[in-house]
ModelCIF file with pLDDT and N, C-alpha, C, O atoms, coordinates in Angstrom:
data_MODEL
#
_entry.id   MODEL 
#
_entity.id                         1 
_entity.type                       polymer 
_entity.pdbx_number_of_molecules   1 
#
_entity_poly.entity_id                      1 
_entity_poly.type                           'polypeptide(L)' 
_entity_poly.nstd_linkage                   no 
_entity_poly.nstd_monomer                   no 
_entity_poly.pdbx_seq_one_letter_code       YRRQRKTIQPRRHLCGTCRGALQELPMVHRGGVAAPLTPAITPPPPAP 
_entity_poly.pdbx_seq_one_letter_code_can   YRRQRKTIQPRRHLCGTCRGALQELPMVHRGGVAAPLTPAITPPPPAP 
_entity_poly.pdbx_strand_id                 A 
#
loop_
_entity_poly_seq.entity_id 
_entity_poly_seq.num 
_entity_poly_seq.mon_id 
_entity_poly_seq.hetero 
1 1  TYR n 
1 2  ARG n 
1 3  ARG n 
1 4  GLN n 
1 5  ARG n 
1 6  LYS n 
1 7  THR n 
1 8  ILE n 
1 9  GLN n 
1 10 PRO n 
1 11 ARG n 
1 12 ARG n 
1 13 HIS n 
1 14 LEU n 
1 15 CYS n 
1 16 GLY n 
1 17 THR n 
1 18 CYS n 
1 19 ARG n 
1 20 GLY n 
1 21 ALA n 
1 22 LEU n 
1 23 GLN n 
1 24 GLU n 
1 25 LEU n 
1 26 PRO n 
1 27 MET n 
1 28 VAL n 
1 29 HIS n 
1 30 ARG n 
1 31 GLY n 
1 32 GLY n 
1 33 VAL n 
1 34 ALA n 
1 35 ALA n 
1 36 PRO n 
1 37 LEU n 
1 38 THR n 
1 39 PRO n 
1 40 ALA n 
1 41 ILE n 
1 42 THR n 
1 43 PRO n 
1 44 PRO n 
1 45 PRO n 
1 46 PRO n 
1 47 ALA n 
1 48 PRO n 
#
_struct_asym.id          A 
_struct_asym.entity_id   1 
#
loop_
_ma_qa_metric.id 
_ma_qa_metric.mode 
_ma_qa_metric.name 
_ma_qa_metric.software_group_id 
_ma_qa_metric.type 
1 global pLDDT . pLDDT 
2 local  pLDDT . pLDDT 
#
_ma_qa_metric_global.metric_id      1 
_ma_qa_metric_global.metric_value   67.58 
_ma_qa_metric_global.model_id       1 
_ma_qa_metric_global.ordinal_id     1 
#
loop_
_ma_qa_metric_local.label_asym_id 
_ma_qa_metric_local.label_comp_id 
_ma_qa_metric_local.label_seq_id 
_ma_qa_metric_local.metric_id 
_ma_qa_metric_local.metric_value 
_ma_qa_metric_local.model_id 
_ma_qa_metric_local.ordinal_id 
A TYR 1  2 82.00 1 1  
A ARG 2  2 74.00 1 2  
A ARG 3  2 75.00 1 3  
A GLN 4  2 67.00 1 4  
A ARG 5  2 73.00 1 5  
A LYS 6  2 80.00 1 6  
A THR 7  2 83.00 1 7  
A ILE 8  2 88.00 1 8  
A GLN 9  2 89.00 1 9  
A PRO 10 2 90.00 1 10 
A ARG 11 2 89.00 1 11 
A ARG 12 2 89.00 1 12 
A HIS 13 2 91.00 1 13 
A LEU 14 2 90.00 1 14 
A CYS 15 2 89.00 1 15 
A GLY 16 2 83.00 1 16 
A THR 17 2 82.00 1 17 
A CYS 18 2 89.00 1 18 
A ARG 19 2 88.00 1 19 
A GLY 20 2 91.00 1 20 
A ALA 21 2 92.00 1 21 
A LEU 22 2 93.00 1 22 
A GLN 23 2 91.00 1 23 
A GLU 24 2 89.00 1 24 
A LEU 25 2 85.00 1 25 
A PRO 26 2 81.00 1 26 
A MET 27 2 60.00 1 27 
A VAL 28 2 49.00 1 28 
A HIS 29 2 50.00 1 29 
A ARG 30 2 47.00 1 30 
A GLY 31 2 48.00 1 31 
A GLY 32 2 48.00 1 32 
A VAL 33 2 47.00 1 33 
A ALA 34 2 49.00 1 34 
A ALA 35 2 47.00 1 35 
A PRO 36 2 47.00 1 36 
A LEU 37 2 45.00 1 37 
A THR 38 2 44.00 1 38 
A PRO 39 2 41.00 1 39 
A ALA 40 2 39.00 1 40 
A ILE 41 2 39.00 1 41 
A THR 42 2 41.00 1 42 
A PRO 43 2 43.00 1 43 
A PRO 44 2 44.00 1 44 
A PRO 45 2 49.00 1 45 
A PRO 46 2 50.00 1 46 
A ALA 47 2 51.00 1 47 
A PRO 48 2 53.00 1 48 
#
loop_
_atom_site.group_PDB 
_atom_site.id 
_atom_site.type_symbol 
_atom_site.label_atom_id 
_atom_site.label_alt_id 
_atom_site.label_comp_id 
_atom_site.label_asym_id 
_atom_site.label_entity_id 
_atom_site.label_seq_id 
_atom_site.pdbx_PDB_ins_code 
_atom_site.Cartn_x 
_atom_site.Cartn_y 
_atom_site.Cartn_z 
_atom_site.occupancy 
_atom_site.B_iso_or_equiv 
_atom_site.pdbx_formal_charge 
_atom_site.auth_seq_id 
_atom_site.auth_comp_id 
_atom_site.auth_asym_id 
_atom_site.auth_atom_id 
_atom_site.pdbx_PDB_model_num 
ATOM 1   N N  . TYR A 1 1  ? -0.544 -2.247  0.667   1.00 82.00 ? 1  TYR A N  1 
ATOM 2   C CA . TYR A 1 1  ? 1.985  -2.361  0.329   1.00 82.00 ? 1  TYR A CA 1 
ATOM 3   C C  . TYR A 1 1  ? 2.148  -0.965  0.835   1.00 82.00 ? 1  TYR A C  1 
ATOM 4   O O  . TYR A 1 1  ? 1.565  -0.008  0.325   1.00 82.00 ? 1  TYR A O  1 
ATOM 5   N N  . ARG A 1 2  ? 2.761  -0.900  1.605   1.00 74.00 ? 2  ARG A N  1 
ATOM 6   C CA . ARG A 1 2  ? 3.565  0.371   2.524   1.00 74.00 ? 2  ARG A CA 1 
ATOM 7   C C  . ARG A 1 2  ? 5.112  0.313   1.986   1.00 74.00 ? 2  ARG A C  1 
ATOM 8   O O  . ARG A 1 2  ? 5.759  -0.734  1.975   1.00 74.00 ? 2  ARG A O  1 
ATOM 9   N N  . ARG A 1 3  ? 5.721  1.838   1.449   1.00 75.00 ? 3  ARG A N  1 
ATOM 10  C CA . ARG A 1 3  ? 7.051  2.067   1.468   1.00 75.00 ? 3  ARG A CA 1 
ATOM 11  C C  . ARG A 1 3  ? 7.232  3.115   1.951   1.00 75.00 ? 3  ARG A C  1 
ATOM 12  O O  . ARG A 1 3  ? 6.273  3.834   2.230   1.00 75.00 ? 3  ARG A O  1 
ATOM 13  N N  . GLN A 1 4  ? 8.277  3.426   2.143   1.00 67.00 ? 4  GLN A N  1 
ATOM 14  C CA . GLN A 1 4  ? 9.116  4.449   2.675   1.00 67.00 ? 4  GLN A CA 1 
ATOM 15  C C  . GLN A 1 4  ? 8.919  5.838   1.124   1.00 67.00 ? 4  GLN A C  1 
ATOM 16  O O  . GLN A 1 4  ? 8.602  7.018   0.972   1.00 67.00 ? 4  GLN A O  1 
ATOM 17  N N  . ARG A 1 5  ? 9.482  4.325   0.091   1.00 73.00 ? 5  ARG A N  1 
ATOM 18  C CA . ARG A 1 5  ? 10.180 5.669   -1.230  1.00 73.00 ? 5  ARG A CA 1 
ATOM 19  C C  . ARG A 1 5  ? 8.694  5.343   -1.859  1.00 73.00 ? 5  ARG A C  1 
ATOM 20  O O  . ARG A 1 5  ? 7.811  4.675   -1.321  1.00 73.00 ? 5  ARG A O  1 
ATOM 21  N N  . LYS A 1 6  ? 8.651  6.010   -3.175  1.00 80.00 ? 6  LYS A N  1 
ATOM 22  C CA . LYS A 1 6  ? 7.629  5.493   -4.505  1.00 80.00 ? 6  LYS A CA 1 
ATOM 23  C C  . LYS A 1 6  ? 8.120  4.567   -5.234  1.00 80.00 ? 6  LYS A C  1 
ATOM 24  O O  . LYS A 1 6  ? 8.373  5.034   -6.345  1.00 80.00 ? 6  LYS A O  1 
ATOM 25  N N  . THR A 1 7  ? 8.413  3.346   -5.149  1.00 83.00 ? 7  THR A N  1 
ATOM 26  C CA . THR A 1 7  ? 8.852  2.217   -5.957  1.00 83.00 ? 7  THR A CA 1 
ATOM 27  C C  . THR A 1 7  ? 7.719  1.274   -6.543  1.00 83.00 ? 7  THR A C  1 
ATOM 28  O O  . THR A 1 7  ? 8.002  0.495   -7.452  1.00 83.00 ? 7  THR A O  1 
ATOM 29  N N  . ILE A 1 8  ? 6.763  1.327   -6.156  1.00 88.00 ? 8  ILE A N  1 
ATOM 30  C CA . ILE A 1 8  ? 5.528  0.722   -7.174  1.00 88.00 ? 8  ILE A CA 1 
ATOM 31  C C  . ILE A 1 8  ? 4.893  1.329   -7.783  1.00 88.00 ? 8  ILE A C  1 
ATOM 32  O O  . ILE A 1 8  ? 4.207  2.267   -7.373  1.00 88.00 ? 8  ILE A O  1 
ATOM 33  N N  . GLN A 1 9  ? 4.981  0.893   -9.024  1.00 89.00 ? 9  GLN A N  1 
ATOM 34  C CA . GLN A 1 9  ? 4.452  1.864   -10.270 1.00 89.00 ? 9  GLN A CA 1 
ATOM 35  C C  . GLN A 1 9  ? 2.829  1.112   -10.719 1.00 89.00 ? 9  GLN A C  1 
ATOM 36  O O  . GLN A 1 9  ? 2.959  0.785   -11.899 1.00 89.00 ? 9  GLN A O  1 
ATOM 37  N N  . PRO A 1 10 ? 1.751  0.824   -10.355 1.00 90.00 ? 10 PRO A N  1 
ATOM 38  C CA . PRO A 1 10 ? 0.768  0.271   -10.208 1.00 90.00 ? 10 PRO A CA 1 
ATOM 39  C C  . PRO A 1 10 ? 0.601  -0.295  -12.335 1.00 90.00 ? 10 PRO A C  1 
ATOM 40  O O  . PRO A 1 10 ? -0.228 -1.027  -12.876 1.00 90.00 ? 10 PRO A O  1 
ATOM 41  N N  . ARG A 1 11 ? 1.392  0.213   -12.728 1.00 89.00 ? 11 ARG A N  1 
ATOM 42  C CA . ARG A 1 11 ? 0.962  0.363   -13.970 1.00 89.00 ? 11 ARG A CA 1 
ATOM 43  C C  . ARG A 1 11 ? 2.193  -0.517  -14.526 1.00 89.00 ? 11 ARG A C  1 
ATOM 44  O O  . ARG A 1 11 ? 2.184  -0.872  -15.705 1.00 89.00 ? 11 ARG A O  1 
ATOM 45  N N  . ARG A 1 12 ? 3.115  -0.819  -13.775 1.00 89.00 ? 12 ARG A N  1 
ATOM 46  C CA . ARG A 1 12 ? 3.941  -1.978  -14.132 1.00 89.00 ? 12 ARG A CA 1 
ATOM 47  C C  . ARG A 1 12 ? 3.893  -3.095  -13.082 1.00 89.00 ? 12 ARG A C  1 
ATOM 48  O O  . ARG A 1 12 ? 4.655  -4.046  -13.259 1.00 89.00 ? 12 ARG A O  1 
ATOM 49  N N  . HIS A 1 13 ? 2.864  -3.092  -11.715 1.00 91.00 ? 13 HIS A N  1 
ATOM 50  C CA . HIS A 1 13 ? 3.293  -4.245  -10.689 1.00 91.00 ? 13 HIS A CA 1 
ATOM 51  C C  . HIS A 1 13 ? 1.825  -4.578  -10.608 1.00 91.00 ? 13 HIS A C  1 
ATOM 52  O O  . HIS A 1 13 ? 0.984  -4.034  -11.324 1.00 91.00 ? 13 HIS A O  1 
ATOM 53  N N  . LEU A 1 14 ? 1.557  -5.499  -9.700  1.00 90.00 ? 14 LEU A N  1 
ATOM 54  C CA . LEU A 1 14 ? 0.347  -6.166  -8.963  1.00 90.00 ? 14 LEU A CA 1 
ATOM 55  C C  . LEU A 1 14 ? 0.451  -6.807  -8.065  1.00 90.00 ? 14 LEU A C  1 
ATOM 56  O O  . LEU A 1 14 ? 1.527  -6.899  -7.475  1.00 90.00 ? 14 LEU A O  1 
ATOM 57  N N  . CYS A 1 15 ? -0.772 -7.528  -7.641  1.00 89.00 ? 15 CYS A N  1 
ATOM 58  C CA . CYS A 1 15 ? -0.429 -7.435  -6.308  1.00 89.00 ? 15 CYS A CA 1 
ATOM 59  C C  . CYS A 1 15 ? -0.068 -8.822  -6.058  1.00 89.00 ? 15 CYS A C  1 
ATOM 60  O O  . CYS A 1 15 ? -0.547 -9.599  -6.884  1.00 89.00 ? 15 CYS A O  1 
ATOM 61  N N  . GLY A 1 16 ? 0.639  -9.341  -5.151  1.00 83.00 ? 16 GLY A N  1 
ATOM 62  C CA . GLY A 1 16 ? 1.908  -10.344 -5.048  1.00 83.00 ? 16 GLY A CA 1 
ATOM 63  C C  . GLY A 1 16 ? 0.969  -11.349 -4.617  1.00 83.00 ? 16 GLY A C  1 
ATOM 64  O O  . GLY A 1 16 ? 1.281  -12.513 -4.866  1.00 83.00 ? 16 GLY A O  1 
ATOM 65  N N  . THR A 1 17 ? -0.583 -11.038 -3.764  1.00 82.00 ? 17 THR A N  1 
ATOM 66  C CA . THR A 1 17 ? -0.950 -12.629 -3.371  1.00 82.00 ? 17 THR A CA 1 
ATOM 67  C C  . THR A 1 17 ? -1.940 -13.163 -4.766  1.00 82.00 ? 17 THR A C  1 
ATOM 68  O O  . THR A 1 17 ? -1.808 -14.361 -5.016  1.00 82.00 ? 17 THR A O  1 
ATOM 69  N N  . CYS A 1 18 ? -3.050 -12.264 -5.816  1.00 89.00 ? 18 CYS A N  1 
ATOM 70  C CA . CYS A 1 18 ? -3.805 -12.234 -6.030  1.00 89.00 ? 18 CYS A CA 1 
ATOM 71  C C  . CYS A 1 18 ? -3.678 -12.258 -7.536  1.00 89.00 ? 18 CYS A C  1 
ATOM 72  O O  . CYS A 1 18 ? -4.371 -12.898 -8.327  1.00 89.00 ? 18 CYS A O  1 
ATOM 73  N N  . ARG A 1 19 ? -2.449 -11.268 -7.843  1.00 88.00 ? 19 ARG A N  1 
ATOM 74  C CA . ARG A 1 19 ? -1.980 -10.852 -9.332  1.00 88.00 ? 19 ARG A CA 1 
ATOM 75  C C  . ARG A 1 19 ? -3.079 -9.614  -9.252  1.00 88.00 ? 19 ARG A C  1 
ATOM 76  O O  . ARG A 1 19 ? -2.328 -8.809  -9.805  1.00 88.00 ? 19 ARG A O  1 
ATOM 77  N N  . GLY A 1 20 ? -4.187 -8.890  -9.013  1.00 91.00 ? 20 GLY A N  1 
ATOM 78  C CA . GLY A 1 20 ? -4.926 -7.715  -9.364  1.00 91.00 ? 20 GLY A CA 1 
ATOM 79  C C  . GLY A 1 20 ? -4.150 -6.661  -9.098  1.00 91.00 ? 20 GLY A C  1 
ATOM 80  O O  . GLY A 1 20 ? -2.971 -6.547  -8.762  1.00 91.00 ? 20 GLY A O  1 
ATOM 81  N N  . ALA A 1 21 ? -5.267 -5.695  -9.369  1.00 92.00 ? 21 ALA A N  1 
ATOM 82  C CA . ALA A 1 21 ? -4.709 -4.343  -10.060 1.00 92.00 ? 21 ALA A CA 1 
ATOM 83  C C  . ALA A 1 21 ? -3.925 -3.264  -8.616  1.00 92.00 ? 21 ALA A C  1 
ATOM 84  O O  . ALA A 1 21 ? -4.589 -3.313  -7.580  1.00 92.00 ? 21 ALA A O  1 
ATOM 85  N N  . LEU A 1 22 ? -3.095 -2.691  -8.576  1.00 93.00 ? 22 LEU A N  1 
ATOM 86  C CA . LEU A 1 22 ? -2.893 -1.828  -7.065  1.00 93.00 ? 22 LEU A CA 1 
ATOM 87  C C  . LEU A 1 22 ? -3.249 -0.599  -7.443  1.00 93.00 ? 22 LEU A C  1 
ATOM 88  O O  . LEU A 1 22 ? -2.782 -0.207  -8.513  1.00 93.00 ? 22 LEU A O  1 
ATOM 89  N N  . GLN A 1 23 ? -4.089 0.248   -6.729  1.00 91.00 ? 23 GLN A N  1 
ATOM 90  C CA . GLN A 1 23 ? -5.156 1.454   -6.453  1.00 91.00 ? 23 GLN A CA 1 
ATOM 91  C C  . GLN A 1 23 ? -3.410 2.581   -5.617  1.00 91.00 ? 23 GLN A C  1 
ATOM 92  O O  . GLN A 1 23 ? -2.704 1.688   -5.148  1.00 91.00 ? 23 GLN A O  1 
ATOM 93  N N  . GLU A 1 24 ? -2.864 3.628   -5.423  1.00 89.00 ? 24 GLU A N  1 
ATOM 94  C CA . GLU A 1 24 ? -2.207 3.878   -4.417  1.00 89.00 ? 24 GLU A CA 1 
ATOM 95  C C  . GLU A 1 24 ? -3.169 5.118   -3.902  1.00 89.00 ? 24 GLU A C  1 
ATOM 96  O O  . GLU A 1 24 ? -3.891 5.805   -4.624  1.00 89.00 ? 24 GLU A O  1 
ATOM 97  N N  . LEU A 1 25 ? -2.984 5.240   -2.360  1.00 85.00 ? 25 LEU A N  1 
ATOM 98  C CA . LEU A 1 25 ? -3.677 5.558   -1.417  1.00 85.00 ? 25 LEU A CA 1 
ATOM 99  C C  . LEU A 1 25 ? -3.017 6.744   -1.000  1.00 85.00 ? 25 LEU A C  1 
ATOM 100 O O  . LEU A 1 25 ? -1.814 7.001   -1.064  1.00 85.00 ? 25 LEU A O  1 
ATOM 101 N N  . PRO A 1 26 ? -3.978 7.455   -0.553  1.00 81.00 ? 26 PRO A N  1 
ATOM 102 C CA . PRO A 1 26 ? -3.073 9.265   0.005   1.00 81.00 ? 26 PRO A CA 1 
ATOM 103 C C  . PRO A 1 26 ? -3.340 8.825   1.419   1.00 81.00 ? 26 PRO A C  1 
ATOM 104 O O  . PRO A 1 26 ? -4.165 8.143   2.026   1.00 81.00 ? 26 PRO A O  1 
ATOM 105 N N  . MET A 1 27 ? -1.809 9.827   1.760   1.00 60.00 ? 27 MET A N  1 
ATOM 106 C CA . MET A 1 27 ? -1.655 9.417   3.644   1.00 60.00 ? 27 MET A CA 1 
ATOM 107 C C  . MET A 1 27 ? -2.140 10.399  4.040   1.00 60.00 ? 27 MET A C  1 
ATOM 108 O O  . MET A 1 27 ? -2.684 11.348  3.477   1.00 60.00 ? 27 MET A O  1 
ATOM 109 N N  . VAL A 1 28 ? -1.885 10.102  5.285   1.00 49.00 ? 28 VAL A N  1 
ATOM 110 C CA . VAL A 1 28 ? -2.170 11.013  6.098   1.00 49.00 ? 28 VAL A CA 1 
ATOM 111 C C  . VAL A 1 28 ? -1.185 10.831  7.435   1.00 49.00 ? 28 VAL A C  1 
ATOM 112 O O  . VAL A 1 28 ? -0.892 9.638   7.505   1.00 49.00 ? 28 VAL A O  1 
ATOM 113 N N  . HIS A 1 29 ? -0.639 11.505  8.399   1.00 50.00 ? 29 HIS A N  1 
ATOM 114 C CA . HIS A 1 29 ? -0.330 11.345  9.911   1.00 50.00 ? 29 HIS A CA 1 
ATOM 115 C C  . HIS A 1 29 ? -0.047 11.976  10.742  1.00 50.00 ? 29 HIS A C  1 
ATOM 116 O O  . HIS A 1 29 ? 0.440  13.093  10.914  1.00 50.00 ? 29 HIS A O  1 
ATOM 117 N N  . ARG A 1 30 ? -0.700 10.444  11.816  1.00 47.00 ? 30 ARG A N  1 
ATOM 118 C CA . ARG A 1 30 ? -1.503 10.664  13.068  1.00 47.00 ? 30 ARG A CA 1 
ATOM 119 C C  . ARG A 1 30 ? -0.314 9.874   14.129  1.00 47.00 ? 30 ARG A C  1 
ATOM 120 O O  . ARG A 1 30 ? 0.295  8.814   14.272  1.00 47.00 ? 30 ARG A O  1 
ATOM 121 N N  . GLY A 1 31 ? -0.476 11.111  14.673  1.00 48.00 ? 31 GLY A N  1 
ATOM 122 C CA . GLY A 1 31 ? 0.685  10.537  15.942  1.00 48.00 ? 31 GLY A CA 1 
ATOM 123 C C  . GLY A 1 31 ? 1.759  10.129  15.426  1.00 48.00 ? 31 GLY A C  1 
ATOM 124 O O  . GLY A 1 31 ? 2.069  9.007   15.828  1.00 48.00 ? 31 GLY A O  1 
ATOM 125 N N  . GLY A 1 32 ? 2.962  10.910  14.166  1.00 48.00 ? 32 GLY A N  1 
ATOM 126 C CA . GLY A 1 32 ? 4.070  10.400  13.652  1.00 48.00 ? 32 GLY A CA 1 
ATOM 127 C C  . GLY A 1 32 ? 4.181  9.155   13.446  1.00 48.00 ? 32 GLY A C  1 
ATOM 128 O O  . GLY A 1 32 ? 5.105  8.457   13.863  1.00 48.00 ? 32 GLY A O  1 
ATOM 129 N N  . VAL A 1 33 ? 2.918  8.659   12.556  1.00 47.00 ? 33 VAL A N  1 
ATOM 130 C CA . VAL A 1 33 ? 3.448  7.447   11.824  1.00 47.00 ? 33 VAL A CA 1 
ATOM 131 C C  . VAL A 1 33 ? 2.251  8.318   10.677  1.00 47.00 ? 33 VAL A C  1 
ATOM 132 O O  . VAL A 1 33 ? 1.637  9.378   10.798  1.00 47.00 ? 33 VAL A O  1 
ATOM 133 N N  . ALA A 1 34 ? 2.305  7.251   9.544   1.00 49.00 ? 34 ALA A N  1 
ATOM 134 C CA . ALA A 1 34 ? 1.596  7.703   8.447   1.00 49.00 ? 34 ALA A CA 1 
ATOM 135 C C  . ALA A 1 34 ? 1.064  6.269   8.109   1.00 49.00 ? 34 ALA A C  1 
ATOM 136 O O  . ALA A 1 34 ? 1.620  5.196   7.875   1.00 49.00 ? 34 ALA A O  1 
ATOM 137 N N  . ALA A 1 35 ? -0.359 6.724   8.184   1.00 47.00 ? 35 ALA A N  1 
ATOM 138 C CA . ALA A 1 35 ? -1.538 5.488   7.531   1.00 47.00 ? 35 ALA A CA 1 
ATOM 139 C C  . ALA A 1 35 ? -2.262 6.329   6.475   1.00 47.00 ? 35 ALA A C  1 
ATOM 140 O O  . ALA A 1 35 ? -2.125 7.544   6.341   1.00 47.00 ? 35 ALA A O  1 
ATOM 141 N N  . PRO A 1 36 ? -3.233 5.346   5.572   1.00 47.00 ? 36 PRO A N  1 
ATOM 142 C CA . PRO A 1 36 ? -3.974 5.244   4.511   1.00 47.00 ? 36 PRO A CA 1 
ATOM 143 C C  . PRO A 1 36 ? -4.835 6.264   4.629   1.00 47.00 ? 36 PRO A C  1 
ATOM 144 O O  . PRO A 1 36 ? -4.939 6.463   5.839   1.00 47.00 ? 36 PRO A O  1 
ATOM 145 N N  . LEU A 1 37 ? -5.299 6.784   4.224   1.00 45.00 ? 37 LEU A N  1 
ATOM 146 C CA . LEU A 1 37 ? -6.691 7.696   4.662   1.00 45.00 ? 37 LEU A CA 1 
ATOM 147 C C  . LEU A 1 37 ? -7.852 6.714   4.128   1.00 45.00 ? 37 LEU A C  1 
ATOM 148 O O  . LEU A 1 37 ? -8.819 6.432   4.836   1.00 45.00 ? 37 LEU A O  1 
ATOM 149 N N  . THR A 1 38 ? -7.730 6.366   3.218   1.00 44.00 ? 38 THR A N  1 
ATOM 150 C CA . THR A 1 38 ? -8.873 4.830   3.183   1.00 44.00 ? 38 THR A CA 1 
ATOM 151 C C  . THR A 1 38 ? -8.792 3.996   4.127   1.00 44.00 ? 38 THR A C  1 
ATOM 152 O O  . THR A 1 38 ? -7.694 3.494   4.366   1.00 44.00 ? 38 THR A O  1 
ATOM 153 N N  . PRO A 1 39 ? -9.655 3.729   4.710   1.00 41.00 ? 39 PRO A N  1 
ATOM 154 C CA . PRO A 1 39 ? -9.204 2.197   5.465   1.00 41.00 ? 39 PRO A CA 1 
ATOM 155 C C  . PRO A 1 39 ? -9.256 0.771   4.487   1.00 41.00 ? 39 PRO A C  1 
ATOM 156 O O  . PRO A 1 39 ? -9.762 0.590   3.380   1.00 41.00 ? 39 PRO A O  1 
ATOM 157 N N  . ALA A 1 40 ? -8.616 -0.011  5.262   1.00 39.00 ? 40 ALA A N  1 
ATOM 158 C CA . ALA A 1 40 ? -8.398 -1.050  4.128   1.00 39.00 ? 40 ALA A CA 1 
ATOM 159 C C  . ALA A 1 40 ? -7.395 -2.547  4.672   1.00 39.00 ? 40 ALA A C  1 
ATOM 160 O O  . ALA A 1 40 ? -6.296 -2.676  5.211   1.00 39.00 ? 40 ALA A O  1 
ATOM 161 N N  . ILE A 1 41 ? -8.466 -3.503  4.187   1.00 39.00 ? 41 ILE A N  1 
ATOM 162 C CA . ILE A 1 41 ? -8.043 -4.693  4.939   1.00 39.00 ? 41 ILE A CA 1 
ATOM 163 C C  . ILE A 1 41 ? -6.343 -4.993  4.850   1.00 39.00 ? 41 ILE A C  1 
ATOM 164 O O  . ILE A 1 41 ? -5.706 -5.022  3.797   1.00 39.00 ? 41 ILE A O  1 
ATOM 165 N N  . THR A 1 42 ? -5.871 -5.173  6.013   1.00 41.00 ? 42 THR A N  1 
ATOM 166 C CA . THR A 1 42 ? -4.424 -5.363  5.636   1.00 41.00 ? 42 THR A CA 1 
ATOM 167 C C  . THR A 1 42 ? -4.223 -7.432  6.689   1.00 41.00 ? 42 THR A C  1 
ATOM 168 O O  . THR A 1 42 ? -4.438 -7.676  7.876   1.00 41.00 ? 42 THR A O  1 
ATOM 169 N N  . PRO A 1 43 ? -3.852 -8.219  5.785   1.00 43.00 ? 43 PRO A N  1 
ATOM 170 C CA . PRO A 1 43 ? -3.700 -9.237  6.082   1.00 43.00 ? 43 PRO A CA 1 
ATOM 171 C C  . PRO A 1 43 ? -2.010 -9.499  6.446   1.00 43.00 ? 43 PRO A C  1 
ATOM 172 O O  . PRO A 1 43 ? -0.962 -9.408  5.807   1.00 43.00 ? 43 PRO A O  1 
ATOM 173 N N  . PRO A 1 44 ? -2.358 -9.841  7.715   1.00 44.00 ? 44 PRO A N  1 
ATOM 174 C CA . PRO A 1 44 ? -0.995 -9.837  8.055   1.00 44.00 ? 44 PRO A CA 1 
ATOM 175 C C  . PRO A 1 44 ? -0.284 -11.202 7.586   1.00 44.00 ? 44 PRO A C  1 
ATOM 176 O O  . PRO A 1 44 ? -1.103 -12.122 7.573   1.00 44.00 ? 44 PRO A O  1 
ATOM 177 N N  . PRO A 1 45 ? 0.841  -11.542 7.248   1.00 49.00 ? 45 PRO A N  1 
ATOM 178 C CA . PRO A 1 45 ? 2.473  -10.690 7.400   1.00 49.00 ? 45 PRO A CA 1 
ATOM 179 C C  . PRO A 1 45 ? 1.981  -9.981  5.782   1.00 49.00 ? 45 PRO A C  1 
ATOM 180 O O  . PRO A 1 45 ? 1.151  -10.435 4.995   1.00 49.00 ? 45 PRO A O  1 
ATOM 181 N N  . PRO A 1 46 ? 2.924  -8.584  5.643   1.00 50.00 ? 46 PRO A N  1 
ATOM 182 C CA . PRO A 1 46 ? 2.442  -7.781  4.491   1.00 50.00 ? 46 PRO A CA 1 
ATOM 183 C C  . PRO A 1 46 ? 3.728  -8.642  3.513   1.00 50.00 ? 46 PRO A C  1 
ATOM 184 O O  . PRO A 1 46 ? 4.548  -9.244  4.206   1.00 50.00 ? 46 PRO A O  1 
ATOM 185 N N  . ALA A 1 47 ? 3.896  -8.708  2.226   1.00 51.00 ? 47 ALA A N  1 
ATOM 186 C CA . ALA A 1 47 ? 4.159  -9.449  1.028   1.00 51.00 ? 47 ALA A CA 1 
ATOM 187 C C  . ALA A 1 47 ? 4.903  -8.350  0.097   1.00 51.00 ? 47 ALA A C  1 
ATOM 188 O O  . ALA A 1 47 ? 4.353  -7.495  -0.597  1.00 51.00 ? 47 ALA A O  1 
ATOM 189 N N  . PRO A 1 48 ? 6.646  -8.646  0.295   1.00 53.00 ? 48 PRO A N  1 
ATOM 190 C CA . PRO A 1 48 ? 6.852  -7.394  -0.736  1.00 53.00 ? 48 PRO A CA 1 
ATOM 191 C C  . PRO A 1 48 ? 6.307  -8.241  -2.455  1.00 53.00 ? 48 PRO A C  1 
ATOM 192 O O  . PRO A 1 48 ? 6.329  -7.589  -3.499  1.00 53.00 ? 48 PRO A O  1 
#
């Protein structure tokens, strides 16, 4: 899950797909685009 603001709180929110626990990822900027530092599976389309 990607957001412009820190609107997701792992203590309060669960995954909308499987209800699993969420973990915040560190972000790096490559070519002007923010991307997770740790590789992750991202099945399309993203669900809020």
